[in-house]
Amino acid sequence: MKKLNRTVTLEQELSKAVQFRSDTSAYGYIGHITTKYIDGKILYKFYVRSETEFKPSITGFSVNFVDTDGFLIDNIRITDYSKNVDNAGKVFGLTSNASEYFAIGDYERIADWDLMVNTSNK
């Protein structure tokens, strides 16, 4: 059988989905994110849940992408999401499946992420 000689390009490598660790550091919320890079955009699937009821003062979530030394590369504010509700109508999670323009060099440097909460200014 003939062996194929195939070179994987950087774009092909970055188009593979990367599932990051869960982040539990934001006020009892547990966040999950999976990303990949295609055509100049970071595509992400984001999910956050809470063991308790969602707090009304929290207006949304953001994701900080950091490098291997923990320095901020970029921040994405999650603005387009769906609420997950139980049979009683209580929100137990939020999901988002979206994309944003992102520099390829910045995407290559992502080593970790942090979940951030956005609160109202009351």
PDB file of N, CA and C in Angstrom:
ATOM      1  N   MET A   1       0.841  -1.171   0.000  1.00  0.00           N
ATOM      2  CA  MET A   1       0.000   0.000   0.000  1.00  0.00           C
ATOM      3  C   MET A   1       0.893   1.244   0.000  1.00  0.00           C
ATOM      4  N   LYS A   2       0.576   2.212  -0.816  1.00  0.00           N
ATOM      5  CA  LYS A   2       1.359   3.435  -0.930  1.00  0.00           C
ATOM      6  C   LYS A   2       1.026   4.372   0.220  1.00  0.00           C
ATOM      7  N   LYS A   3       2.046   4.922   0.862  1.00  0.00           N
ATOM      8  CA  LYS A   3       1.866   5.844   1.962  1.00  0.00           C
ATOM      9  C   LYS A   3       1.677   7.254   1.408  1.00  0.00           C
ATOM     10  N   LEU A   4       0.660   7.956   1.877  1.00  0.00           N
ATOM     11  CA  LEU A   4       0.408   9.314   1.415  1.00  0.00           C
ATOM     12  C   LEU A   4       1.297  10.287   2.161  1.00  0.00           C
ATOM     13  N   ASN A   5       1.861  11.232   1.446  1.00  0.00           N
ATOM     14  CA  ASN A   5       2.671  12.285   2.043  1.00  0.00           C
ATOM     15  C   ASN A   5       1.791  13.522   2.155  1.00  0.00           C
ATOM     16  N   ARG A   6       1.345  13.800   3.350  1.00  0.00           N
ATOM     17  CA  ARG A   6       0.423  14.914   3.549  1.00  0.00           C
ATOM     18  C   ARG A   6       0.965  15.848   4.607  1.00  0.00           C
ATOM     19  N   THR A   7       1.058  17.103   4.280  1.00  0.00           N
ATOM     20  CA  THR A   7       1.503  18.106   5.226  1.00  0.00           C
ATOM     21  C   THR A   7       0.289  18.810   5.799  1.00  0.00           C
ATOM     22  N   VAL A   8       0.210  18.867   7.108  1.00  0.00           N
ATOM     23  CA  VAL A   8      -0.896  19.545   7.770  1.00  0.00           C
ATOM     24  C   VAL A   8      -0.528  21.018   7.896  1.00  0.00           C
ATOM     25  N   THR A   9      -1.366  21.885   7.376  1.00  0.00           N
ATOM     26  CA  THR A   9      -1.108  23.315   7.462  1.00  0.00           C
ATOM     27  C   THR A   9      -1.508  23.837   8.831  1.00  0.00           C
ATOM     28  N   LEU A  10      -1.023  25.027   9.150  1.00  0.00           N
ATOM     29  CA  LEU A  10      -1.373  25.664  10.414  1.00  0.00           C
ATOM     30  C   LEU A  10      -2.881  25.855  10.516  1.00  0.00           C
ATOM     31  N   GLU A  11      -3.507  26.295   9.425  1.00  0.00           N
ATOM     32  CA  GLU A  11      -4.952  26.507   9.435  1.00  0.00           C
ATOM     33  C   GLU A  11      -5.706  25.200   9.700  1.00  0.00           C
ATOM     34  N   GLN A  12      -5.225  24.096   9.142  1.00  0.00           N
ATOM     35  CA  GLN A  12      -5.876  22.807   9.389  1.00  0.00           C
ATOM     36  C   GLN A  12      -5.715  22.392  10.847  1.00  0.00           C
ATOM     37  N   GLU A  13      -4.543  22.633  11.399  1.00  0.00           N
ATOM     38  CA  GLU A  13      -4.289  22.279  12.795  1.00  0.00           C
ATOM     39  C   GLU A  13      -5.179  23.097  13.739  1.00  0.00           C
ATOM     40  N   LEU A  14      -5.291  24.406  13.468  1.00  0.00           N
ATOM     41  CA  LEU A  14      -6.083  25.277  14.333  1.00  0.00           C
ATOM     42  C   LEU A  14      -7.581  25.064  14.170  1.00  0.00           C
ATOM     43  N   SER A  15      -7.996  24.419  13.077  1.00  0.00           N
ATOM     44  CA  SER A  15      -9.425  24.178  12.869  1.00  0.00           C
ATOM     45  C   SER A  15      -9.938  22.989  13.683  1.00  0.00           C
ATOM     46  N   LYS A  16      -9.045  22.317  14.386  1.00  0.00           N
ATOM     47  CA  LYS A  16      -9.467  21.218  15.267  1.00  0.00           C
ATOM     48  C   LYS A  16      -9.991  21.793  16.583  1.00  0.00           C
ATOM     49  N   ALA A  17     -11.087  21.243  17.069  1.00  0.00           N
ATOM     50  CA  ALA A  17     -11.689  21.733  18.311  1.00  0.00           C
ATOM     51  C   ALA A  17     -10.784  21.473  19.508  1.00  0.00           C
ATOM     52  N   VAL A  18     -10.680  22.477  20.374  1.00  0.00           N
ATOM     53  CA  VAL A  18      -9.903  22.378  21.618  1.00  0.00           C
ATOM     54  C   VAL A  18     -10.858  22.597  22.781  1.00  0.00           C
ATOM     55  N   GLN A  19     -10.957  21.596  23.642  1.00  0.00           N
ATOM     56  CA  GLN A  19     -11.802  21.720  24.831  1.00  0.00           C
ATOM     57  C   GLN A  19     -10.912  22.089  26.004  1.00  0.00           C
ATOM     58  N   PHE A  20     -11.178  23.245  26.598  1.00  0.00           N
ATOM     59  CA  PHE A  20     -10.390  23.717  27.727  1.00  0.00           C
ATOM     60  C   PHE A  20     -10.946  23.169  29.034  1.00  0.00           C
ATOM     61  N   ARG A  21     -10.166  23.284  30.088  1.00  0.00           N
ATOM     62  CA  ARG A  21     -10.587  22.854  31.418  1.00  0.00           C
ATOM     63  C   ARG A  21     -11.814  23.642  31.855  1.00  0.00           C
ATOM     64  N   SER A  22     -12.555  23.097  32.800  1.00  0.00           N
ATOM     65  CA  SER A  22     -13.684  23.822  33.384  1.00  0.00           C
ATOM     66  C   SER A  22     -13.141  24.881  34.326  1.00  0.00           C
ATOM     67  N   ASP A  23     -13.787  26.028  34.374  1.00  0.00           N
ATOM     68  CA  ASP A  23     -13.380  27.095  35.287  1.00  0.00           C
ATOM     69  C   ASP A  23     -14.462  27.247  36.350  1.00  0.00           C
ATOM     70  N   THR A  24     -14.053  27.166  37.605  1.00  0.00           N
ATOM     71  CA  THR A  24     -15.003  27.240  38.719  1.00  0.00           C
ATOM     72  C   THR A  24     -14.714  28.424  39.631  1.00  0.00           C
ATOM     73  N   SER A  25     -13.992  29.412  39.149  1.00  0.00           N
ATOM     74  CA  SER A  25     -13.520  30.490  40.015  1.00  0.00           C
ATOM     75  C   SER A  25     -14.430  31.712  40.059  1.00  0.00           C
ATOM     76  N   ALA A  26     -15.553  31.712  39.361  1.00  0.00           N
ATOM     77  CA  ALA A  26     -16.370  32.919  39.261  1.00  0.00           C
ATOM     78  C   ALA A  26     -17.662  32.799  40.061  1.00  0.00           C
ATOM     79  N   TYR A  27     -17.601  33.125  41.349  1.00  0.00           N
ATOM     80  CA  TYR A  27     -18.789  33.234  42.195  1.00  0.00           C
ATOM     81  C   TYR A  27     -19.686  32.003  42.190  1.00  0.00           C
ATOM     82  N   GLY A  28     -19.105  30.822  42.118  1.00  0.00           N
ATOM     83  CA  GLY A  28     -19.894  29.606  42.147  1.00  0.00           C
ATOM     84  C   GLY A  28     -20.430  29.149  40.805  1.00  0.00           C
ATOM     85  N   TYR A  29     -20.098  29.858  39.745  1.00  0.00           N
ATOM     86  CA  TYR A  29     -20.502  29.441  38.402  1.00  0.00           C
ATOM     87  C   TYR A  29     -19.437  28.522  37.823  1.00  0.00           C
ATOM     88  N   ILE A  30     -19.865  27.567  37.031  1.00  0.00           N
ATOM     89  CA  ILE A  30     -18.942  26.612  36.412  1.00  0.00           C
ATOM     90  C   ILE A  30     -19.030  26.811  34.903  1.00  0.00           C
ATOM     91  N   GLY A  31     -17.910  27.182  34.301  1.00  0.00           N
ATOM     92  CA  GLY A  31     -17.895  27.473  32.877  1.00  0.00           C
ATOM     93  C   GLY A  31     -17.116  26.441  32.085  1.00  0.00           C
ATOM     94  N   HIS A  32     -17.557  26.224  30.854  1.00  0.00           N
ATOM     95  CA  HIS A  32     -16.904  25.300  29.924  1.00  0.00           C
ATOM     96  C   HIS A  32     -16.792  26.011  28.577  1.00  0.00           C
ATOM     97  N   ILE A  33     -15.670  25.811  27.894  1.00  0.00           N
ATOM     98  CA  ILE A  33     -15.529  26.406  26.569  1.00  0.00           C
ATOM     99  C   ILE A  33     -14.728  25.483  25.657  1.00  0.00           C
ATOM    100  N   THR A  34     -15.162  25.414  24.412  1.00  0.00           N
ATOM    101  CA  THR A  34     -14.468  24.688  23.352  1.00  0.00           C
ATOM    102  C   THR A  34     -14.296  25.673  22.211  1.00  0.00           C
ATOM    103  N   THR A  35     -13.086  25.700  21.612  1.00  0.00           N
ATOM    104  CA  THR A  35     -12.814  26.654  20.540  1.00  0.00           C
ATOM    105  C   THR A  35     -12.175  25.968  19.345  1.00  0.00           C
ATOM    106  N   LYS A  36     -12.232  26.666  18.218  1.00  0.00           N
ATOM    107  CA  LYS A  36     -11.422  26.323  17.058  1.00  0.00           C
ATOM    108  C   LYS A  36     -11.285  27.584  16.222  1.00  0.00           C
ATOM    109  N   TYR A  37     -10.381  27.556  15.238  1.00  0.00           N
ATOM    110  CA  TYR A  37     -10.071  28.750  14.460  1.00  0.00           C
ATOM    111  C   TYR A  37     -10.252  28.463  12.974  1.00  0.00           C
ATOM    112  N   ILE A  38     -11.143  29.240  12.331  1.00  0.00           N
ATOM    113  CA  ILE A  38     -11.403  29.065  10.903  1.00  0.00           C
ATOM    114  C   ILE A  38     -11.617  30.435  10.258  1.00  0.00           C
ATOM    115  N   ASP A  39     -10.953  30.651   9.145  1.00  0.00           N
ATOM    116  CA  ASP A  39     -11.153  31.860   8.326  1.00  0.00           C
ATOM    117  C   ASP A  39     -11.071  33.162   9.117  1.00  0.00           C
ATOM    118  N   GLY A  40     -10.064  33.281   9.965  1.00  0.00           N
ATOM    119  CA  GLY A  40      -9.852  34.527  10.694  1.00  0.00           C
ATOM    120  C   GLY A  40     -10.756  34.730  11.888  1.00  0.00           C
ATOM    121  N   LYS A  41     -11.492  33.695  12.279  1.00  0.00           N
ATOM    122  CA  LYS A  41     -12.408  33.820  13.409  1.00  0.00           C
ATOM    123  C   LYS A  41     -12.157  32.731  14.435  1.00  0.00           C
ATOM    124  N   ILE A  42     -12.372  33.090  15.693  1.00  0.00           N
ATOM    125  CA  ILE A  42     -12.420  32.099  16.752  1.00  0.00           C
ATOM    126  C   ILE A  42     -13.882  31.672  16.870  1.00  0.00           C
ATOM    127  N   LEU A  43     -14.122  30.387  16.743  1.00  0.00           N
ATOM    128  CA  LEU A  43     -15.457  29.826  16.932  1.00  0.00           C
ATOM    129  C   LEU A  43     -15.473  29.228  18.333  1.00  0.00           C
ATOM    130  N   TYR A  44     -16.540  29.468  19.072  1.00  0.00           N
ATOM    131  CA  TYR A  44     -16.584  28.935  20.428  1.00  0.00           C
ATOM    132  C   TYR A  44     -17.959  28.414  20.790  1.00  0.00           C
ATOM    133  N   LYS A  45     -17.936  27.358  21.596  1.00  0.00           N
ATOM    134  CA  LYS A  45     -19.122  26.826  22.252  1.00  0.00           C
ATOM    135  C   LYS A  45     -18.897  27.063  23.737  1.00  0.00           C
ATOM    136  N   PHE A  46     -19.777  27.815  24.340  1.00  0.00           N
ATOM    137  CA  PHE A  46     -19.648  28.230  25.735  1.00  0.00           C
ATOM    138  C   PHE A  46     -20.850  27.735  26.512  1.00  0.00           C
ATOM    139  N   TYR A  47     -20.603  27.235  27.711  1.00  0.00           N
ATOM    140  CA  TYR A  47     -21.685  26.798  28.595  1.00  0.00           C
ATOM    141  C   TYR A  47     -21.318  27.184  30.016  1.00  0.00           C
ATOM    142  N   VAL A  48     -22.265  27.748  30.730  1.00  0.00           N
ATOM    143  CA  VAL A  48     -22.050  28.065  32.137  1.00  0.00           C
ATOM    144  C   VAL A  48     -23.272  27.596  32.915  1.00  0.00           C
ATOM    145  N   ARG A  49     -23.017  27.076  34.107  1.00  0.00           N
ATOM    146  CA  ARG A  49     -24.109  26.634  34.969  1.00  0.00           C
ATOM    147  C   ARG A  49     -23.797  27.033  36.401  1.00  0.00           C
ATOM    148  N   SER A  50     -24.805  26.945  37.228  1.00  0.00           N
ATOM    149  CA  SER A  50     -24.652  27.282  38.632  1.00  0.00           C
ATOM    150  C   SER A  50     -25.313  26.203  39.472  1.00  0.00           C
ATOM    151  N   GLU A  51     -24.711  25.896  40.595  1.00  0.00           N
ATOM    152  CA  GLU A  51     -25.298  24.928  41.524  1.00  0.00           C
ATOM    153  C   GLU A  51     -26.496  25.546  42.252  1.00  0.00           C
ATOM    154  N   THR A  52     -26.546  26.876  42.282  1.00  0.00           N
ATOM    155  CA  THR A  52     -27.658  27.583  42.903  1.00  0.00           C
ATOM    156  C   THR A  52     -28.356  28.406  41.817  1.00  0.00           C
ATOM    157  N   GLU A  53     -29.312  29.213  42.220  1.00  0.00           N
ATOM    158  CA  GLU A  53     -30.043  30.047  41.258  1.00  0.00           C
ATOM    159  C   GLU A  53     -29.139  31.152  40.715  1.00  0.00           C
ATOM    160  N   PHE A  54     -29.328  31.501  39.450  1.00  0.00           N
ATOM    161  CA  PHE A  54     -28.563  32.595  38.857  1.00  0.00           C
ATOM    162  C   PHE A  54     -28.893  33.895  39.581  1.00  0.00           C
ATOM    163  N   LYS A  55     -27.872  34.661  39.891  1.00  0.00           N
ATOM    164  CA  LYS A  55     -28.050  35.911  40.623  1.00  0.00           C
ATOM    165  C   LYS A  55     -28.524  37.013  39.668  1.00  0.00           C
ATOM    166  N   PRO A  56     -29.560  37.765  40.059  1.00  0.00           N
ATOM    167  CA  PRO A  56     -30.079  38.805  39.166  1.00  0.00           C
ATOM    168  C   PRO A  56     -29.080  39.927  38.892  1.00  0.00           C
ATOM    169  N   SER A  57     -28.110  40.157  39.789  1.00  0.00           N
ATOM    170  CA  SER A  57     -27.134  41.235  39.575  1.00  0.00           C
ATOM    171  C   SER A  57     -26.122  40.888  38.484  1.00  0.00           C
ATOM    172  N   ILE A  58     -26.060  39.619  38.098  1.00  0.00           N
ATOM    173  CA  ILE A  58     -25.129  39.213  37.043  1.00  0.00           C
ATOM    174  C   ILE A  58     -25.823  39.403  35.703  1.00  0.00           C
ATOM    175  N   THR A  59     -25.212  40.241  34.878  1.00  0.00           N
ATOM    176  CA  THR A  59     -25.828  40.602  33.595  1.00  0.00           C
ATOM    177  C   THR A  59     -25.253  39.812  32.435  1.00  0.00           C
ATOM    178  N   GLY A  60     -24.213  39.042  32.671  1.00  0.00           N
ATOM    179  CA  GLY A  60     -23.612  38.255  31.603  1.00  0.00           C
ATOM    180  C   GLY A  60     -22.261  37.721  32.002  1.00  0.00           C
ATOM    181  N   PHE A  61     -21.584  37.147  31.019  1.00  0.00           N
ATOM    182  CA  PHE A  61     -20.279  36.528  31.263  1.00  0.00           C
ATOM    183  C   PHE A  61     -19.291  36.945  30.190  1.00  0.00           C
ATOM    184  N   SER A  62     -18.020  36.915  30.563  1.00  0.00           N
ATOM    185  CA  SER A  62     -16.927  37.173  29.635  1.00  0.00           C
ATOM    186  C   SER A  62     -15.904  36.063  29.768  1.00  0.00           C
ATOM    187  N   VAL A  63     -15.111  35.914  28.731  1.00  0.00           N
ATOM    188  CA  VAL A  63     -14.037  34.927  28.716  1.00  0.00           C
ATOM    189  C   VAL A  63     -12.722  35.671  28.506  1.00  0.00           C
ATOM    190  N   ASN A  64     -11.779  35.464  29.408  1.00  0.00           N
ATOM    191  CA  ASN A  64     -10.425  35.988  29.235  1.00  0.00           C
ATOM    192  C   ASN A  64      -9.539  34.860  28.736  1.00  0.00           C
ATOM    193  N   PHE A  65      -8.912  35.055  27.583  1.00  0.00           N
ATOM    194  CA  PHE A  65      -7.933  34.094  27.083  1.00  0.00           C
ATOM    195  C   PHE A  65      -6.552  34.573  27.491  1.00  0.00           C
ATOM    196  N   VAL A  66      -5.747  33.655  28.061  1.00  0.00           N
ATOM    197  CA  VAL A  66      -4.425  34.020  28.571  1.00  0.00           C
ATOM    198  C   VAL A  66      -3.345  33.118  27.972  1.00  0.00           C
ATOM    199  N   ASP A  67      -2.104  33.615  28.036  1.00  0.00           N
ATOM    200  CA  ASP A  67      -0.978  32.831  27.525  1.00  0.00           C
ATOM    201  C   ASP A  67      -0.414  31.940  28.622  1.00  0.00           C
ATOM    202  N   THR A  68       0.704  31.275  28.354  1.00  0.00           N
ATOM    203  CA  THR A  68       1.277  30.317  29.305  1.00  0.00           C
ATOM    204  C   THR A  68       1.732  30.971  30.608  1.00  0.00           C
ATOM    205  N   ASP A  69       1.992  32.289  30.578  1.00  0.00           N
ATOM    206  CA  ASP A  69       2.395  32.998  31.789  1.00  0.00           C
ATOM    207  C   ASP A  69       1.229  33.675  32.493  1.00  0.00           C
ATOM    208  N   GLY A  70       0.006  33.483  31.975  1.00  0.00           N
ATOM    209  CA  GLY A  70      -1.173  34.069  32.596  1.00  0.00           C
ATOM    210  C   GLY A  70      -1.481  35.482  32.148  1.00  0.00           C
ATOM    211  N   PHE A  71      -0.764  35.994  31.138  1.00  0.00           N
ATOM    212  CA  PHE A  71      -1.029  37.340  30.646  1.00  0.00           C
ATOM    213  C   PHE A  71      -2.212  37.322  29.687  1.00  0.00           C
ATOM    214  N   LEU A  72      -3.035  38.358  29.782  1.00  0.00           N
ATOM    215  CA  LEU A  72      -4.236  38.467  28.961  1.00  0.00           C
ATOM    216  C   LEU A  72      -3.881  38.611  27.486  1.00  0.00           C
ATOM    217  N   ILE A  73      -4.496  37.776  26.656  1.00  0.00           N
ATOM    218  CA  ILE A  73      -4.375  37.890  25.201  1.00  0.00           C
ATOM    219  C   ILE A  73      -5.559  38.674  24.663  1.00  0.00           C
ATOM    220  N   ASP A  74      -6.759  38.262  25.045  1.00  0.00           N
ATOM    221  CA  ASP A  74      -7.965  38.942  24.583  1.00  0.00           C
ATOM    222  C   ASP A  74      -9.133  38.555  25.481  1.00  0.00           C
ATOM    223  N   ASN A  75     -10.192  39.351  25.401  1.00  0.00           N
ATOM    224  CA  ASN A  75     -11.404  39.133  26.178  1.00  0.00           C
ATOM    225  C   ASN A  75     -12.579  39.085  25.215  1.00  0.00           C
ATOM    226  N   ILE A  76     -13.460  38.127  25.422  1.00  0.00           N
ATOM    227  CA  ILE A  76     -14.690  38.037  24.634  1.00  0.00           C
ATOM    228  C   ILE A  76     -15.870  38.126  25.588  1.00  0.00           C
ATOM    229  N   ARG A  77     -16.735  39.088  25.335  1.00  0.00           N
ATOM    230  CA  ARG A  77     -17.966  39.210  26.127  1.00  0.00           C
ATOM    231  C   ARG A  77     -19.022  38.349  25.453  1.00  0.00           C
ATOM    232  N   ILE A  78     -19.606  37.432  26.207  1.00  0.00           N
ATOM    233  CA  ILE A  78     -20.630  36.540  25.674  1.00  0.00           C
ATOM    234  C   ILE A  78     -21.949  37.315  25.660  1.00  0.00           C
ATOM    235  N   THR A  79     -22.394  37.681  24.468  1.00  0.00           N
ATOM    236  CA  THR A  79     -23.595  38.502  24.352  1.00  0.00           C
ATOM    237  C   THR A  79     -24.756  37.745  23.708  1.00  0.00           C
ATOM    238  N   ASP A  80     -24.456  36.718  22.954  1.00  0.00           N
ATOM    239  CA  ASP A  80     -25.489  35.963  22.253  1.00  0.00           C
ATOM    240  C   ASP A  80     -25.574  34.579  22.890  1.00  0.00           C
ATOM    241  N   TYR A  81     -26.556  34.400  23.762  1.00  0.00           N
ATOM    242  CA  TYR A  81     -26.673  33.125  24.467  1.00  0.00           C
ATOM    243  C   TYR A  81     -28.132  32.726  24.636  1.00  0.00           C
ATOM    244  N   SER A  82     -28.326  31.455  24.929  1.00  0.00           N
ATOM    245  CA  SER A  82     -29.647  30.915  25.216  1.00  0.00           C
ATOM    246  C   SER A  82     -29.686  30.482  26.674  1.00  0.00           C
ATOM    247  N   LYS A  83     -30.822  30.685  27.307  1.00  0.00           N
ATOM    248  CA  LYS A  83     -30.992  30.260  28.694  1.00  0.00           C
ATOM    249  C   LYS A  83     -31.476  28.819  28.727  1.00  0.00           C
ATOM    250  N   ASN A  84     -30.916  28.044  29.626  1.00  0.00           N
ATOM    251  CA  ASN A  84     -31.378  26.676  29.873  1.00  0.00           C
ATOM    252  C   ASN A  84     -32.234  26.736  31.128  1.00  0.00           C
ATOM    253  N   VAL A  85     -33.484  26.292  31.017  1.00  0.00           N
ATOM    254  CA  VAL A  85     -34.396  26.361  32.156  1.00  0.00           C
ATOM    255  C   VAL A  85     -34.904  24.968  32.520  1.00  0.00           C
ATOM    256  N   ASP A  86     -35.207  24.797  33.806  1.00  0.00           N
ATOM    257  CA  ASP A  86     -35.753  23.508  34.255  1.00  0.00           C
ATOM    258  C   ASP A  86     -37.279  23.530  34.113  1.00  0.00           C
ATOM    259  N   ASN A  87     -37.930  22.462  34.560  1.00  0.00           N
ATOM    260  CA  ASN A  87     -39.392  22.347  34.435  1.00  0.00           C
ATOM    261  C   ASN A  87     -40.142  23.419  35.215  1.00  0.00           C
ATOM    262  N   ALA A  88     -39.509  23.952  36.248  1.00  0.00           N
ATOM    263  CA  ALA A  88     -40.141  25.005  37.054  1.00  0.00           C
ATOM    264  C   ALA A  88     -39.885  26.391  36.474  1.00  0.00           C
ATOM    265  N   GLY A  89     -39.133  26.473  35.401  1.00  0.00           N
ATOM    266  CA  GLY A  89     -38.852  27.755  34.768  1.00  0.00           C
ATOM    267  C   GLY A  89     -37.634  28.481  35.313  1.00  0.00           C
ATOM    268  N   LYS A  90     -36.875  27.824  36.186  1.00  0.00           N
ATOM    269  CA  LYS A  90     -35.670  28.450  36.742  1.00  0.00           C
ATOM    270  C   LYS A  90     -34.493  28.234  35.795  1.00  0.00           C
ATOM    271  N   VAL A  91     -33.714  29.294  35.611  1.00  0.00           N
ATOM    272  CA  VAL A  91     -32.535  29.226  34.759  1.00  0.00           C
ATOM    273  C   VAL A  91     -31.438  28.470  35.497  1.00  0.00           C
ATOM    274  N   PHE A  92     -30.884  27.436  34.868  1.00  0.00           N
ATOM    275  CA  PHE A  92     -29.777  26.696  35.477  1.00  0.00           C
ATOM    276  C   PHE A  92     -28.509  26.759  34.637  1.00  0.00           C
ATOM    277  N   GLY A  93     -28.604  27.318  33.445  1.00  0.00           N
ATOM    278  CA  GLY A  93     -27.412  27.414  32.608  1.00  0.00           C
ATOM    279  C   GLY A  93     -27.631  28.319  31.412  1.00  0.00           C
ATOM    280  N   LEU A  94     -26.528  28.710  30.808  1.00  0.00           N
ATOM    281  CA  LEU A  94     -26.543  29.504  29.592  1.00  0.00           C
ATOM    282  C   LEU A  94     -25.630  28.840  28.579  1.00  0.00           C
ATOM    283  N   THR A  95     -26.017  28.872  27.312  1.00  0.00           N
ATOM    284  CA  THR A  95     -25.175  28.330  26.255  1.00  0.00           C
ATOM    285  C   THR A  95     -25.022  29.371  25.155  1.00  0.00           C
ATOM    286  N   SER A  96     -23.862  29.326  24.512  1.00  0.00           N
ATOM    287  CA  SER A  96     -23.596  30.203  23.387  1.00  0.00           C
ATOM    288  C   SER A  96     -22.767  29.434  22.372  1.00  0.00           C
ATOM    289  N   ASN A  97     -23.085  29.632  21.116  1.00  0.00           N
ATOM    290  CA  ASN A  97     -22.328  29.018  20.032  1.00  0.00           C
ATOM    291  C   ASN A  97     -22.151  30.126  19.007  1.00  0.00           C
ATOM    292  N   ALA A  98     -20.979  30.779  19.015  1.00  0.00           N
ATOM    293  CA  ALA A  98     -20.792  31.983  18.215  1.00  0.00           C
ATOM    294  C   ALA A  98     -19.355  32.070  17.715  1.00  0.00           C
ATOM    295  N   SER A  99     -19.048  33.191  17.061  1.00  0.00           N
ATOM    296  CA  SER A  99     -17.690  33.422  16.565  1.00  0.00           C
ATOM    297  C   SER A  99     -17.387  34.907  16.571  1.00  0.00           C
ATOM    298  N   GLU A 100     -16.095  35.221  16.574  1.00  0.00           N
ATOM    299  CA  GLU A 100     -15.625  36.601  16.508  1.00  0.00           C
ATOM    300  C   GLU A 100     -14.329  36.623  15.735  1.00  0.00           C
ATOM    301  N   TYR A 101     -14.054  37.763  15.086  1.00  0.00           N
ATOM    302  CA  TYR A 101     -12.759  37.909  14.428  1.00  0.00           C
ATOM    303  C   TYR A 101     -11.667  37.886  15.483  1.00  0.00           C
ATOM    304  N   PHE A 102     -10.573  37.211  15.153  1.00  0.00           N
ATOM    305  CA  PHE A 102      -9.511  36.989  16.130  1.00  0.00           C
ATOM    306  C   PHE A 102      -8.210  36.814  15.347  1.00  0.00           C
ATOM    307  N   ALA A 103      -7.138  37.447  15.771  1.00  0.00           N
ATOM    308  CA  ALA A 103      -5.849  37.319  15.082  1.00  0.00           C
ATOM    309  C   ALA A 103      -5.301  35.900  15.248  1.00  0.00           C
ATOM    310  N   ILE A 104      -4.795  35.326  14.163  1.00  0.00           N
ATOM    311  CA  ILE A 104      -4.297  33.949  14.200  1.00  0.00           C
ATOM    312  C   ILE A 104      -3.133  33.800  15.185  1.00  0.00           C
ATOM    313  N   GLY A 105      -2.262  34.796  15.251  1.00  0.00           N
ATOM    314  CA  GLY A 105      -1.139  34.747  16.199  1.00  0.00           C
ATOM    315  C   GLY A 105      -1.609  34.736  17.643  1.00  0.00           C
ATOM    316  N   ASP A 106      -2.651  35.502  17.923  1.00  0.00           N
ATOM    317  CA  ASP A 106      -3.218  35.507  19.273  1.00  0.00           C
ATOM    318  C   ASP A 106      -3.850  34.157  19.593  1.00  0.00           C
ATOM    319  N   TYR A 107      -4.556  33.573  18.623  1.00  0.00           N
ATOM    320  CA  TYR A 107      -5.184  32.273  18.867  1.00  0.00           C
ATOM    321  C   TYR A 107      -4.133  31.206  19.168  1.00  0.00           C
ATOM    322  N   GLU A 108      -3.024  31.246  18.445  1.00  0.00           N
ATOM    323  CA  GLU A 108      -1.951  30.264  18.669  1.00  0.00           C
ATOM    324  C   GLU A 108      -1.380  30.357  20.087  1.00  0.00           C
ATOM    325  N   ARG A 109      -1.404  31.541  20.675  1.00  0.00           N
ATOM    326  CA  ARG A 109      -0.811  31.763  22.005  1.00  0.00           C
ATOM    327  C   ARG A 109      -1.728  31.361  23.156  1.00  0.00           C
ATOM    328  N   ILE A 110      -3.000  31.102  22.893  1.00  0.00           N
ATOM    329  CA  ILE A 110      -3.929  30.776  23.987  1.00  0.00           C
ATOM    330  C   ILE A 110      -3.500  29.480  24.674  1.00  0.00           C
ATOM    331  N   ALA A 111      -3.311  29.590  25.989  1.00  0.00           N
ATOM    332  CA  ALA A 111      -2.939  28.425  26.792  1.00  0.00           C
ATOM    333  C   ALA A 111      -4.018  28.068  27.803  1.00  0.00           C
ATOM    334  N   ASP A 112      -4.836  29.056  28.177  1.00  0.00           N
ATOM    335  CA  ASP A 112      -5.846  28.827  29.208  1.00  0.00           C
ATOM    336  C   ASP A 112      -6.906  29.916  29.087  1.00  0.00           C
ATOM    337  N   TRP A 113      -7.898  29.826  29.949  1.00  0.00           N
ATOM    338  CA  TRP A 113      -8.964  30.825  29.951  1.00  0.00           C
ATOM    339  C   TRP A 113      -9.472  31.021  31.356  1.00  0.00           C
ATOM    340  N   ASP A 114     -10.150  32.133  31.582  1.00  0.00           N
ATOM    341  CA  ASP A 114     -10.777  32.435  32.862  1.00  0.00           C
ATOM    342  C   ASP A 114     -12.197  32.914  32.607  1.00  0.00           C
ATOM    343  N   LEU A 115     -13.120  32.455  33.419  1.00  0.00           N
ATOM    344  CA  LEU A 115     -14.515  32.882  33.363  1.00  0.00           C
ATOM    345  C   LEU A 115     -14.663  34.147  34.189  1.00  0.00           C
ATOM    346  N   MET A 116     -15.283  35.148  33.613  1.00  0.00           N
ATOM    347  CA  MET A 116     -15.519  36.407  34.312  1.00  0.00           C
ATOM    348  C   MET A 116     -17.025  36.682  34.321  1.00  0.00           C
ATOM    349  N   VAL A 117     -17.522  37.291  35.395  1.00  0.00           N
ATOM    350  CA  VAL A 117     -18.935  37.662  35.455  1.00  0.00           C
ATOM    351  C   VAL A 117     -19.066  39.163  35.250  1.00  0.00           C
ATOM    352  N   ASN A 118     -20.128  39.554  34.565  1.00  0.00           N
ATOM    353  CA  ASN A 118     -20.452  40.963  34.376  1.00  0.00           C
ATOM    354  C   ASN A 118     -21.611  41.277  35.301  1.00  0.00           C
ATOM    355  N   THR A 119     -21.490  42.359  36.062  1.00  0.00           N
ATOM    356  CA  THR A 119     -22.544  42.722  37.013  1.00  0.00           C
ATOM    357  C   THR A 119     -23.097  44.080  36.656  1.00  0.00           C
ATOM    358  N   SER A 120     -24.314  44.326  37.127  1.00  0.00           N
ATOM    359  CA  SER A 120     -24.932  45.641  36.915  1.00  0.00           C
ATOM    360  C   SER A 120     -24.228  46.659  37.807  1.00  0.00           C
ATOM    361  N   ASN A 121     -24.307  47.907  37.438  1.00  0.00           N
ATOM    362  CA  ASN A 121     -23.626  48.978  38.192  1.00  0.00           C
ATOM    363  C   ASN A 121     -24.531  49.614  39.220  1.00  0.00           C
ATOM    364  N   LYS A 122     -25.359  48.836  39.859  1.00  0.00           N
ATOM    365  CA  LYS A 122     -26.286  49.392  40.861  1.00  0.00           C
ATOM    366  C   LYS A 122     -25.606  49.520  42.186  1.00  0.00           C
TER     367      LYS A 122
END
